[in-house]
Amino acid sequence: MASTSDLEQLADLELQKEDEDEEDQSGIQGCPSPLPSSTFSPDPSHPYYDVARHSIIQVSGDDNYGRKLITFSSCCLPPSHQLNHQRLLEYLKFTLDQYVEMDYILVYFHYGLRSTNKPSLKWLRDAYSEFDRKYKKNLKTLYVVHPTNFIRIVWNIFKPLISHKFGKKLTYVNYLAELRDHLNYEQLVIPPDVLRHDEKLRAAQKDGPPSSVETLPPPRPPLPTQQFGVSLQYIREKNRGAVIPPVVQQTVSYLKDKGLRTEGIFRRSARVQLVKDIQKLYNQGKHVDLDQYDMHVPAVILKAFFRELPEPLLTFRVYNQVQDLLNVETSLRVTRCKQIIESLPEHNFIVAKYLLCFLHMVSQESIVNKMGPSNLACVFGVNLVWPRHASISLTALTPINIFTEILIEHFHTVFGSRCPPGQESGRGARGRSTGGFDPGLGEQGGGGGCHGDLDELVALDQPDESFEAVERRLGVSLLPEETLSQLDALLQTGNSTRGFHSSDRPCSFIQPRLGGGWQT
């Protein structure tokens, strides 16, 4: 049986051989290609700027099941004499410390590790020993992309140190295309060198898997009952104009009633196959009994709904405005967030207000559930806003988290009033509602409550006038009877003691008040 020193020597020889093979193929020894400037531009004041500027470690949003996704790219490692590896270890811990209290995923891109830039095996041993249980417990999967013989030899060196349970978390990925089954591939921060290497590997394998970048076949048309992966507009049209998507309404109502005091709510993940099965039930329009599952399961389903929207709830347009938030003085950030939110399309605004009201309620129980505004922002922010054509870098997460934290902590200020677009011009679109409505949240808001002024919802009956005539007379947008019925059904989950339409009248209307709430 080979000794550890023999294996270390063999690993070094194998890595040198890989270097030579790469040089033979390319003609020169490659050097790392920097990530696009739009992806990563660390602040020089960053405490680990000397390491962060190399883009070795990136946070790329969440995987398909709500677990934080962190990448380590070997090709971005500069020559060893240009990088203090102890600082690299400290920076890795600094990054992980922000996420180890929740479930997370590591993706290690092995390509580009050379004899000239690799940390020593002693450094690897020291690093592993420094990562105590809190780092290892919530790591759900370690994906090793493009493994080589060097990786397998190193694994044998470390096997005596690694527990069987941790070893089961290791997954080898031979081609980038294989990651699509597990991760939100479009959000991954993949260095250009790794993409090129993947293409070379595929070209060398005539029967290899399809390209990671080639055009995928068009998806099947969604089911009429589809809930995940389709737009808010599609869900509303297929659900009789429902203001709040059914999945959101059911999970929020359930968690509001039973999960507000659950420790670590939204921080834990659920079994992957279980999440898939529940999503399938929702997509088929079947009943889902949330009482059958652990309290963390509906929390994961809620996050998954927003994460899988074709366009984020807060829209692509908002992303750059959120990124600019760091340039706004701290004392003015709440006002700026309010402006951003009030610019949302009306349906997005209503759903956002419904969700953020609930998250505000969760944060009010933080003494018990350990999920204050900052913690909730960390797990929810990337599910509410992301860029259209790029990945979310580690630095881009900071303003997203700050923005989301402000929405949660200052909910009443940010969402307290909004002038609907239709009222600004004296005329609105048919069937619109406004941010004054907080469906189904009951009386538990605290501090003014998130439930809205339900007692101000009153009927405005006009049996002898057409819809258009009433709109012209009042100069506002109105809600037809059908929409009122849906809102009324949602409000049954709250503690309102009065209805707001009469079933024996041909039509009822309500008018949104300029400063929030409703008036006749």
Protein backbone atom coordinates (compact mmCIF):
# COMPACT_ATOMS: atom_id res chain seq x y z
CA MET A 1 0.00 0.00 0.00
CA ALA A 2 1.44 3.37 -1.04
CA SER A 3 2.42 5.75 1.74
CA THR A 4 1.09 9.30 1.96
CA SER A 5 4.43 10.73 0.81
CA ASP A 6 4.42 8.40 -2.21
CA LEU A 7 0.90 9.50 -3.12
CA GLU A 8 1.87 13.17 -2.77
CA GLN A 9 4.81 12.63 -5.10
CA LEU A 10 2.57 10.79 -7.54
CA ALA A 11 0.04 13.65 -7.41
CA ASP A 12 2.74 16.21 -8.23
CA LEU A 13 3.98 14.08 -11.15
CA GLU A 14 0.43 13.68 -12.44
CA LEU A 15 -0.19 17.43 -12.29
CA GLN A 16 3.06 18.12 -14.16
CA LYS A 17 2.00 15.60 -16.81
CA GLU A 18 -1.35 17.40 -17.16
CA ASP A 19 0.55 20.69 -17.57
CA GLU A 20 2.63 19.21 -20.37
CA ASP A 21 -0.39 17.75 -22.13
CA GLU A 22 -2.14 21.11 -22.00
CA GLU A 23 0.93 22.91 -23.36
CA ASP A 24 1.19 20.41 -26.22
CA GLN A 25 -2.42 21.05 -27.17
CA SER A 26 -2.31 24.84 -26.93
CA GLY A 27 1.28 25.49 -27.91
CA ILE A 28 1.83 27.75 -24.91
CA GLN A 29 1.08 27.53 -21.25
CA GLY A 30 -2.25 29.22 -20.82
CA CYS A 31 -2.84 31.97 -18.34
CA PRO A 32 -6.14 32.64 -16.66
CA SER A 33 -8.63 34.73 -18.60
CA PRO A 34 -10.28 37.31 -16.38
CA LEU A 35 -14.01 37.17 -15.89
CA PRO A 36 -15.97 39.82 -17.78
CA SER A 37 -15.75 43.16 -16.02
CA SER A 38 -19.53 43.33 -15.83
CA THR A 39 -19.50 40.18 -13.73
CA PHE A 40 -17.04 41.10 -11.02
CA SER A 41 -15.46 44.37 -9.90
CA PRO A 42 -14.51 44.22 -6.22
CA ASP A 43 -14.33 47.39 -4.19
CA PRO A 44 -10.68 48.27 -3.40
CA SER A 45 -11.80 48.82 0.21
CA HIS A 46 -12.81 45.14 0.45
CA PRO A 47 -10.94 43.57 3.41
CA TYR A 48 -9.67 40.80 1.11
CA TYR A 49 -9.31 42.83 -2.07
CA ASP A 50 -5.88 41.29 -2.76
CA VAL A 51 -7.58 37.88 -3.15
CA ALA A 52 -11.08 38.91 -4.26
CA ARG A 53 -9.79 40.74 -7.34
CA HIS A 54 -8.78 37.41 -8.91
CA SER A 55 -12.42 36.16 -8.98
CA ILE A 56 -11.39 32.76 -7.61
CA ILE A 57 -14.45 32.49 -5.37
CA GLN A 58 -17.90 33.53 -6.52
CA VAL A 59 -21.44 33.30 -5.14
CA SER A 60 -23.87 32.53 -7.98
CA GLY A 61 -27.32 32.73 -6.48
CA ASP A 62 -29.11 29.48 -5.56
CA ASP A 63 -29.38 26.02 -7.04
CA ASN A 64 -32.72 24.56 -8.16
CA TYR A 65 -33.73 23.85 -4.58
CA GLY A 66 -32.92 27.13 -2.86
CA ARG A 67 -29.42 26.27 -1.64
CA LYS A 68 -26.73 28.93 -1.92
CA LEU A 69 -24.31 28.25 -4.77
CA ILE A 70 -20.58 29.02 -4.35
CA THR A 71 -17.93 28.39 -7.01
CA PHE A 72 -14.15 28.00 -6.78
CA SER A 73 -12.27 28.36 -10.10
CA SER A 74 -8.72 26.98 -10.22
CA CYS A 75 -7.98 28.67 -13.54
CA CYS A 76 -8.27 32.05 -11.78
CA LEU A 77 -5.48 31.21 -9.33
CA PRO A 78 -2.41 33.33 -10.14
CA PRO A 79 1.11 31.84 -9.80
CA SER A 80 1.80 30.83 -6.20
CA HIS A 81 4.37 33.57 -5.63
CA GLN A 82 1.70 36.19 -6.47
CA LEU A 83 -0.90 34.95 -4.00
CA ASN A 84 -0.76 34.44 -0.25
CA HIS A 85 -2.54 31.11 0.15
CA GLN A 86 -3.19 31.75 3.82
CA ARG A 87 -5.10 34.87 2.77
CA LEU A 88 -6.97 32.74 0.24
CA LEU A 89 -8.04 30.39 3.02
CA GLU A 90 -9.15 33.32 5.19
CA TYR A 91 -11.13 34.77 2.29
CA LEU A 92 -12.81 31.42 1.62
CA LYS A 93 -13.87 31.23 5.27
CA PHE A 94 -14.95 34.88 5.18
CA THR A 95 -17.23 34.06 2.23
CA LEU A 96 -18.60 30.83 3.67
CA ASP A 97 -19.27 32.44 7.05
CA GLN A 98 -22.07 34.41 5.39
CA TYR A 99 -23.85 31.24 4.28
CA VAL A 100 -22.85 28.25 6.42
CA GLU A 101 -25.86 28.68 8.70
CA MET A 102 -28.03 27.64 5.72
CA ASP A 103 -27.70 24.80 3.24
CA TYR A 104 -25.23 25.51 0.45
CA ILE A 105 -23.51 23.95 -2.58
CA LEU A 106 -19.87 24.15 -3.68
CA VAL A 107 -18.85 23.86 -7.34
CA TYR A 108 -15.12 23.35 -7.88
CA PHE A 109 -13.84 23.99 -11.42
CA HIS A 110 -10.63 21.97 -11.51
CA TYR A 111 -9.41 22.99 -14.96
CA GLY A 112 -6.52 25.45 -14.78
CA LEU A 113 -4.85 24.06 -11.66
CA ARG A 114 -1.15 23.82 -12.50
CA SER A 115 2.05 22.99 -10.75
CA THR A 116 2.83 26.73 -10.80
CA ASN A 117 -0.35 27.94 -9.09
CA LYS A 118 -1.54 25.03 -6.94
CA PRO A 119 -1.59 25.34 -3.17
CA SER A 120 0.53 22.74 -1.41
CA LEU A 121 -1.05 19.52 -0.16
CA LYS A 122 -0.10 20.61 3.35
CA TRP A 123 -2.19 23.73 2.78
CA LEU A 124 -5.10 21.54 1.68
CA ARG A 125 -4.80 19.42 4.83
CA ASP A 126 -4.65 22.52 7.04
CA ALA A 127 -7.64 24.01 5.22
CA TYR A 128 -9.74 20.88 5.70
CA SER A 129 -8.92 20.75 9.40
CA GLU A 130 -9.85 24.43 9.84
CA PHE A 131 -13.30 23.89 8.35
CA ASP A 132 -15.10 22.64 11.43
CA ARG A 133 -18.53 21.03 11.66
CA LYS A 134 -20.51 24.19 10.95
CA TYR A 135 -18.95 24.40 7.47
CA LYS A 136 -19.30 20.69 6.68
CA LYS A 137 -22.76 20.04 8.12
CA ASN A 138 -24.74 22.32 5.80
CA LEU A 139 -22.65 21.62 2.69
CA LYS A 140 -25.08 19.46 0.71
CA THR A 141 -23.02 18.69 -2.40
CA LEU A 142 -19.47 19.32 -3.63
CA TYR A 143 -19.41 19.19 -7.43
CA VAL A 144 -15.94 18.61 -8.88
CA VAL A 145 -16.06 19.67 -12.53
CA HIS A 146 -13.61 18.17 -15.06
CA PRO A 147 -11.84 15.84 -12.60
CA THR A 148 -8.46 14.37 -13.56
CA ASN A 149 -6.19 11.69 -12.19
CA PHE A 150 -4.67 14.32 -9.91
CA ILE A 151 -8.05 14.78 -8.19
CA ARG A 152 -8.49 11.06 -7.67
CA ILE A 153 -5.00 10.69 -6.21
CA VAL A 154 -5.56 13.62 -3.84
CA TRP A 155 -8.86 12.06 -2.80
CA ASN A 156 -7.02 8.89 -1.79
CA ILE A 157 -4.58 10.98 0.24
CA PHE A 158 -7.41 12.64 2.14
CA LYS A 159 -9.63 9.59 2.51
CA PRO A 160 -8.36 8.71 6.03
CA LEU A 161 -9.25 12.24 7.17
CA ILE A 162 -12.69 12.43 5.59
CA SER A 163 -15.79 10.94 7.15
CA HIS A 164 -17.94 8.57 5.13
CA LYS A 165 -20.88 10.98 5.44
CA PHE A 166 -18.87 13.86 3.99
CA GLY A 167 -17.48 11.62 1.25
CA LYS A 168 -21.00 10.91 -0.01
CA LYS A 169 -21.40 14.62 -0.77
CA LEU A 170 -18.72 14.52 -3.48
CA THR A 171 -20.03 14.37 -7.07
CA TYR A 172 -17.79 14.24 -10.15
CA VAL A 173 -19.02 16.18 -13.19
CA ASN A 174 -17.24 15.36 -16.46
CA TYR A 175 -19.03 17.91 -18.67
CA LEU A 176 -20.67 21.23 -17.91
CA ALA A 177 -23.92 20.02 -19.49
CA GLU A 178 -24.37 17.63 -16.57
CA LEU A 179 -24.77 20.59 -14.20
CA ARG A 180 -28.03 21.59 -15.87
CA ASP A 181 -29.80 18.76 -14.08
CA HIS A 182 -28.84 20.12 -10.69
CA LEU A 183 -28.25 23.88 -10.85
CA ASN A 184 -29.52 27.09 -12.37
CA TYR A 185 -26.88 26.89 -15.08
CA GLU A 186 -27.53 30.38 -16.46
CA GLN A 187 -26.63 31.92 -13.09
CA LEU A 188 -23.31 30.07 -12.78
CA VAL A 189 -20.16 32.16 -12.96
CA ILE A 190 -18.06 30.02 -15.34
CA PRO A 191 -14.65 31.36 -16.45
CA PRO A 192 -14.10 31.49 -20.25
CA ASP A 193 -11.14 29.09 -19.93
CA VAL A 194 -13.40 26.45 -18.39
CA LEU A 195 -15.99 26.88 -21.16
CA ARG A 196 -13.30 26.45 -23.83
CA HIS A 197 -11.87 23.40 -22.08
CA ASP A 198 -15.32 21.82 -21.94
CA GLU A 199 -15.71 22.31 -25.70
CA LYS A 200 -12.35 20.60 -26.30
CA LEU A 201 -13.37 17.64 -24.16
CA ARG A 202 -16.62 17.24 -26.05
CA ALA A 203 -14.88 17.51 -29.40
CA ALA A 204 -12.52 14.72 -28.33
CA GLN A 205 -15.48 12.50 -27.47
CA LYS A 206 -17.50 11.74 -30.58
CA ASP A 207 -20.26 10.24 -28.48
CA GLY A 208 -19.97 12.79 -25.70
CA PRO A 209 -22.95 14.66 -24.24
CA PRO A 210 -24.42 17.68 -26.03
CA SER A 211 -22.70 21.02 -25.78
CA SER A 212 -23.27 22.99 -22.60
CA VAL A 213 -23.86 26.07 -24.73
CA GLU A 214 -25.71 24.68 -27.74
CA THR A 215 -29.34 25.59 -28.28
CA LEU A 216 -31.68 23.34 -26.35
CA PRO A 217 -34.88 22.04 -27.98
CA PRO A 218 -37.88 24.28 -27.38
CA PRO A 219 -39.70 23.41 -24.15
CA ARG A 220 -43.12 21.83 -24.22
CA PRO A 221 -46.05 24.23 -23.93
CA PRO A 222 -47.00 24.65 -20.25
CA LEU A 223 -50.07 22.96 -18.87
CA PRO A 224 -53.11 25.17 -18.22
CA THR A 225 -52.61 24.34 -14.54
CA GLN A 226 -48.86 25.06 -14.60
CA GLN A 227 -47.60 26.99 -11.56
CA PHE A 228 -43.79 26.78 -11.72
CA GLY A 229 -41.64 28.21 -14.49
CA VAL A 230 -44.37 30.34 -16.06
CA SER A 231 -45.06 34.06 -15.80
CA LEU A 232 -47.29 35.78 -13.26
CA GLN A 233 -49.48 36.88 -16.15
CA TYR A 234 -49.91 33.29 -17.37
CA ILE A 235 -50.88 32.10 -13.89
CA ARG A 236 -53.36 34.94 -13.49
CA GLU A 237 -55.00 34.24 -16.85
CA LYS A 238 -55.29 30.51 -16.16
CA ASN A 239 -56.64 31.01 -12.63
CA ARG A 240 -59.61 33.27 -13.36
CA GLY A 241 -57.69 36.45 -12.74
CA ALA A 242 -56.30 35.42 -9.35
CA VAL A 243 -54.34 38.35 -7.94
CA ILE A 244 -52.03 36.17 -5.84
CA PRO A 245 -50.69 32.95 -7.45
CA PRO A 246 -52.24 29.88 -5.75
CA VAL A 247 -48.88 28.42 -4.68
CA VAL A 248 -47.89 31.70 -3.03
CA GLN A 249 -51.26 32.15 -1.35
CA GLN A 250 -51.34 28.59 0.03
CA THR A 251 -47.75 28.45 1.30
CA VAL A 252 -47.85 31.94 2.83
CA SER A 253 -51.17 31.26 4.57
CA TYR A 254 -49.89 27.95 5.89
CA LEU A 255 -46.59 29.35 7.14
CA LYS A 256 -48.32 32.39 8.64
CA ASP A 257 -50.58 30.13 10.67
CA LYS A 258 -48.09 27.44 11.66
CA GLY A 259 -44.52 28.35 10.79
CA LEU A 260 -43.72 31.87 11.99
CA ARG A 261 -41.89 30.57 15.03
CA THR A 262 -40.03 27.74 13.28
CA GLU A 263 -36.30 28.16 13.91
CA GLY A 264 -34.33 28.70 10.71
CA ILE A 265 -37.41 29.00 8.51
CA PHE A 266 -36.31 29.50 4.84
CA ARG A 267 -32.75 28.54 5.82
CA ARG A 268 -33.09 24.78 5.46
CA SER A 269 -33.52 22.90 2.21
CA ALA A 270 -35.73 19.88 1.53
CA ARG A 271 -35.14 16.54 -0.17
CA VAL A 272 -34.73 17.17 -3.88
CA GLN A 273 -37.13 14.46 -5.05
CA LEU A 274 -39.74 15.60 -2.55
CA VAL A 275 -39.63 19.15 -3.93
CA LYS A 276 -39.97 17.81 -7.49
CA ASP A 277 -42.96 15.68 -6.51
CA ILE A 278 -44.77 18.60 -4.86
CA GLN A 279 -44.08 20.89 -7.81
CA LYS A 280 -45.50 18.22 -10.11
CA LEU A 281 -48.69 18.07 -8.05
CA TYR A 282 -49.11 21.84 -8.25
CA ASN A 283 -48.38 21.87 -11.99
CA GLN A 284 -51.04 19.22 -12.55
CA GLY A 285 -53.58 21.25 -10.61
CA LYS A 286 -53.85 18.64 -7.84
CA HIS A 287 -54.42 19.32 -4.17
CA VAL A 288 -51.31 19.59 -1.97
CA ASP A 289 -51.77 18.89 1.73
CA LEU A 290 -48.92 20.80 3.38
CA ASP A 291 -49.71 19.19 6.73
CA GLN A 292 -48.05 16.02 5.42
CA TYR A 293 -44.62 17.64 5.31
CA ASP A 294 -41.99 19.17 7.53
CA MET A 295 -42.48 22.92 8.07
CA HIS A 296 -39.40 23.71 5.97
CA VAL A 297 -40.95 22.12 2.86
CA PRO A 298 -43.59 24.82 2.15
CA ALA A 299 -40.86 27.42 2.78
CA VAL A 300 -38.71 25.78 0.10
CA ILE A 301 -41.69 25.59 -2.28
CA LEU A 302 -42.35 29.31 -1.81
CA LYS A 303 -38.74 30.20 -2.61
CA ALA A 304 -38.74 27.84 -5.60
CA PHE A 305 -41.84 29.51 -7.05
CA PHE A 306 -40.18 32.93 -7.22
CA ARG A 307 -36.81 31.52 -8.26
CA GLU A 308 -38.35 29.77 -11.28
CA LEU A 309 -40.28 32.75 -12.66
CA PRO A 310 -39.12 33.56 -16.22
CA GLU A 311 -38.69 37.17 -15.09
CA PRO A 312 -37.95 38.00 -11.44
CA LEU A 313 -40.81 39.31 -9.33
CA LEU A 314 -39.14 42.72 -9.12
CA THR A 315 -38.42 42.66 -12.90
CA PHE A 316 -35.16 42.79 -14.85
CA ARG A 317 -35.40 46.58 -15.12
CA VAL A 318 -34.91 47.01 -11.37
CA TYR A 319 -31.60 45.13 -11.22
CA ASN A 320 -29.31 48.02 -12.17
CA GLN A 321 -31.20 50.37 -9.85
CA VAL A 322 -30.60 47.94 -6.98
CA GLN A 323 -26.91 47.68 -7.84
CA ASP A 324 -26.66 51.49 -7.64
CA LEU A 325 -28.04 51.45 -4.10
CA LEU A 326 -24.51 51.37 -2.64
CA ASN A 327 -23.95 54.83 -4.15
CA VAL A 328 -26.92 56.23 -2.21
CA GLU A 329 -26.33 57.72 1.24
CA THR A 330 -27.42 55.38 3.99
CA SER A 331 -29.99 57.87 5.32
CA LEU A 332 -31.66 58.06 1.88
CA ARG A 333 -31.75 54.35 1.02
CA VAL A 334 -35.23 53.66 2.39
CA THR A 335 -36.64 56.47 0.25
CA ARG A 336 -34.78 55.18 -2.79
CA CYS A 337 -36.08 51.64 -2.22
CA LYS A 338 -39.60 53.03 -1.98
CA GLN A 339 -39.15 54.77 -5.34
CA ILE A 340 -37.88 51.57 -6.94
CA ILE A 341 -40.78 49.51 -5.60
CA GLU A 342 -43.38 52.09 -6.63
CA SER A 343 -42.10 51.91 -10.21
CA LEU A 344 -43.05 48.23 -10.51
CA PRO A 345 -45.90 47.10 -12.76
CA GLU A 346 -49.06 46.97 -10.71
CA HIS A 347 -49.47 43.17 -10.54
CA ASN A 348 -45.80 42.73 -9.54
CA PHE A 349 -46.27 45.41 -6.89
CA ILE A 350 -49.27 43.62 -5.36
CA VAL A 351 -47.54 40.22 -5.23
CA ALA A 352 -44.35 41.82 -3.87
CA LYS A 353 -46.31 43.60 -1.16
CA TYR A 354 -48.07 40.36 -0.23
CA LEU A 355 -44.76 38.48 0.03
CA LEU A 356 -42.76 41.20 1.79
CA CYS A 357 -45.56 41.75 4.27
CA PHE A 358 -45.30 38.09 5.20
CA LEU A 359 -41.49 38.23 5.45
CA HIS A 360 -41.86 41.26 7.71
CA MET A 361 -44.12 39.19 9.94
CA VAL A 362 -41.51 36.40 9.99
CA SER A 363 -38.81 38.90 11.01
CA GLN A 364 -40.94 40.07 13.94
CA GLU A 365 -40.58 36.58 15.42
CA SER A 366 -36.79 36.58 15.00
CA ILE A 367 -36.15 36.09 18.74
CA VAL A 368 -37.65 32.62 18.30
CA ASN A 369 -37.08 31.74 14.64
CA LYS A 370 -33.60 33.36 14.39
CA MET A 371 -34.54 34.95 11.05
CA GLY A 372 -34.27 38.71 11.24
CA PRO A 373 -34.44 41.01 8.19
CA SER A 374 -30.76 40.46 7.37
CA ASN A 375 -31.04 36.66 7.47
CA LEU A 376 -34.21 36.67 5.39
CA ALA A 377 -32.64 39.03 2.85
CA CYS A 378 -29.71 36.67 2.48
CA VAL A 379 -31.91 33.70 1.58
CA PHE A 380 -34.64 35.55 -0.35
CA GLY A 381 -32.89 38.41 -2.15
CA VAL A 382 -31.54 36.45 -5.11
CA ASN A 383 -35.00 34.94 -5.65
CA LEU A 384 -36.56 38.37 -6.16
CA VAL A 385 -34.14 40.14 -8.48
CA TRP A 386 -31.43 38.99 -10.90
CA PRO A 387 -29.89 40.31 -14.15
CA ARG A 388 -31.26 39.41 -17.57
CA HIS A 389 -28.12 38.12 -19.27
CA ALA A 390 -25.46 37.69 -16.60
CA SER A 391 -24.62 35.80 -13.45
CA ILE A 392 -24.85 37.27 -9.97
CA SER A 393 -21.35 37.80 -8.60
CA LEU A 394 -20.33 37.93 -4.97
CA THR A 395 -20.14 41.74 -5.00
CA ALA A 396 -23.51 42.01 -6.75
CA LEU A 397 -25.11 40.14 -3.85
CA THR A 398 -24.29 42.89 -1.36
CA PRO A 399 -26.66 45.55 -2.77
CA ILE A 400 -29.33 42.90 -3.43
CA ASN A 401 -29.21 41.82 0.21
CA ILE A 402 -29.23 45.42 1.46
CA PHE A 403 -32.20 46.23 -0.77
CA THR A 404 -34.18 43.18 0.36
CA GLU A 405 -33.36 43.82 4.00
CA ILE A 406 -34.74 47.36 3.70
CA LEU A 407 -37.94 46.06 2.07
CA ILE A 408 -38.46 43.68 4.99
CA GLU A 409 -37.40 45.89 7.89
CA HIS A 410 -39.08 49.06 6.60
CA PHE A 411 -42.06 47.34 5.01
CA HIS A 412 -44.66 49.89 6.16
CA THR A 413 -42.64 52.82 4.86
CA VAL A 414 -41.72 51.26 1.52
CA PHE A 415 -45.17 49.85 0.72
CA GLY A 416 -47.28 52.29 2.75
CA SER A 417 -48.73 54.27 -0.13
CA ARG A 418 -48.65 54.31 -3.87
CA CYS A 419 -50.46 56.34 -6.47
CA PRO A 420 -51.67 53.85 -9.10
CA PRO A 421 -50.63 54.74 -12.67
CA GLY A 422 -54.27 55.02 -13.73
CA GLN A 423 -54.97 57.78 -11.20
CA GLU A 424 -52.05 59.91 -12.21
CA SER A 425 -53.71 60.60 -15.54
CA GLY A 426 -57.27 60.50 -14.21
CA ARG A 427 -58.02 57.29 -16.08
CA GLY A 428 -56.98 53.71 -15.41
CA ALA A 429 -57.03 50.32 -17.06
CA ARG A 430 -59.92 48.02 -16.42
CA GLY A 431 -59.52 45.47 -13.70
CA ARG A 432 -56.49 46.94 -11.97
CA SER A 433 -55.94 46.82 -8.25
CA THR A 434 -53.41 48.65 -6.12
CA GLY A 435 -50.88 48.24 -3.40
CA GLY A 436 -53.47 49.14 -0.78
CA PHE A 437 -54.63 45.54 -0.80
CA ASP A 438 -52.92 42.96 1.39
CA PRO A 439 -54.84 39.73 0.77
CA GLY A 440 -55.14 37.00 3.32
CA LEU A 441 -52.63 38.08 5.95
CA GLY A 442 -55.01 38.48 8.85
CA GLU A 443 -54.34 40.65 11.88
CA GLN A 444 -50.82 39.55 12.73
CA GLY A 445 -48.85 42.32 11.09
CA GLY A 446 -48.04 44.32 14.21
CA GLY A 447 -46.97 47.93 14.12
CA GLY A 448 -49.93 48.93 11.97
CA GLY A 449 -50.41 45.48 10.56
CA CYS A 450 -49.77 44.00 7.11
CA HIS A 451 -53.40 43.08 6.56
CA GLY A 452 -54.38 46.51 5.24
CA ASP A 453 -57.41 48.52 6.22
CA LEU A 454 -59.97 45.80 5.56
CA ASP A 455 -62.79 47.79 7.13
CA GLU A 456 -62.35 50.38 4.39
CA LEU A 457 -63.26 47.84 1.70
CA VAL A 458 -66.85 48.77 0.91
CA ALA A 459 -69.21 48.27 -1.98
CA LEU A 460 -69.97 50.84 -4.62
CA ASP A 461 -73.06 49.47 -6.35
CA GLN A 462 -74.06 50.94 -9.70
CA PRO A 463 -76.63 48.51 -11.17
CA ASP A 464 -77.88 50.89 -13.83
CA GLU A 465 -74.54 52.04 -15.20
CA SER A 466 -72.17 50.26 -17.53
CA PHE A 467 -68.61 49.58 -16.40
CA GLU A 468 -67.25 52.23 -18.80
CA ALA A 469 -69.80 54.82 -17.65
CA VAL A 470 -68.81 54.38 -14.02
CA GLU A 471 -65.12 54.70 -14.93
CA ARG A 472 -65.79 57.92 -16.85
CA ARG A 473 -67.93 59.35 -14.04
CA LEU A 474 -65.35 58.63 -11.33
CA GLY A 475 -62.22 59.11 -13.41
CA VAL A 476 -60.51 56.04 -11.91
CA SER A 477 -59.85 52.36 -12.65
CA LEU A 478 -62.35 49.96 -11.12
CA LEU A 479 -62.50 46.30 -10.22
CA PRO A 480 -65.33 44.19 -11.69
CA GLU A 481 -67.46 41.79 -9.65
CA GLU A 482 -65.43 38.74 -10.75
CA THR A 483 -62.19 40.18 -9.36
CA LEU A 484 -63.93 41.23 -6.14
CA SER A 485 -65.13 37.67 -5.65
CA GLN A 486 -61.56 36.42 -5.91
CA LEU A 487 -60.28 39.06 -3.50
CA ASP A 488 -63.09 38.21 -1.11
CA ALA A 489 -62.12 34.54 -1.20
CA LEU A 490 -58.54 35.41 -0.35
CA LEU A 491 -59.63 37.65 2.48
CA GLN A 492 -61.45 34.74 4.10
CA THR A 493 -58.04 33.66 5.43
CA GLY A 494 -57.79 36.96 7.34
CA ASN A 495 -59.85 38.15 10.30
CA SER A 496 -62.05 40.58 8.41
CA THR A 497 -65.63 40.62 9.78
CA ARG A 498 -67.27 42.11 6.73
CA GLY A 499 -67.52 41.31 3.06
CA PHE A 500 -67.16 43.89 0.38
CA HIS A 501 -69.57 42.92 -2.34
CA SER A 502 -73.18 41.86 -2.51
CA SER A 503 -74.08 38.70 -4.35
CA ASP A 504 -77.60 39.95 -5.15
CA ARG A 505 -76.38 42.99 -7.08
CA PRO A 506 -75.39 42.76 -10.75
CA CYS A 507 -72.08 44.56 -10.24
CA SER A 508 -70.00 46.03 -7.43
CA PHE A 509 -66.98 48.27 -7.61
CA ILE A 510 -64.31 49.63 -5.31
CA GLN A 511 -61.99 52.55 -5.89
CA PRO A 512 -58.38 52.64 -4.62
CA ARG A 513 -57.52 55.53 -2.33
CA LEU A 514 -54.51 57.64 -3.35
CA GLY A 515 -52.72 57.21 -0.03
CA GLY A 516 -53.34 53.47 0.31
CA GLY A 517 -56.43 51.56 1.43
CA TRP A 518 -59.73 51.91 -0.40
CA GLN A 519 -62.61 54.35 -0.65
CA THR A 520 -66.04 54.45 -2.29
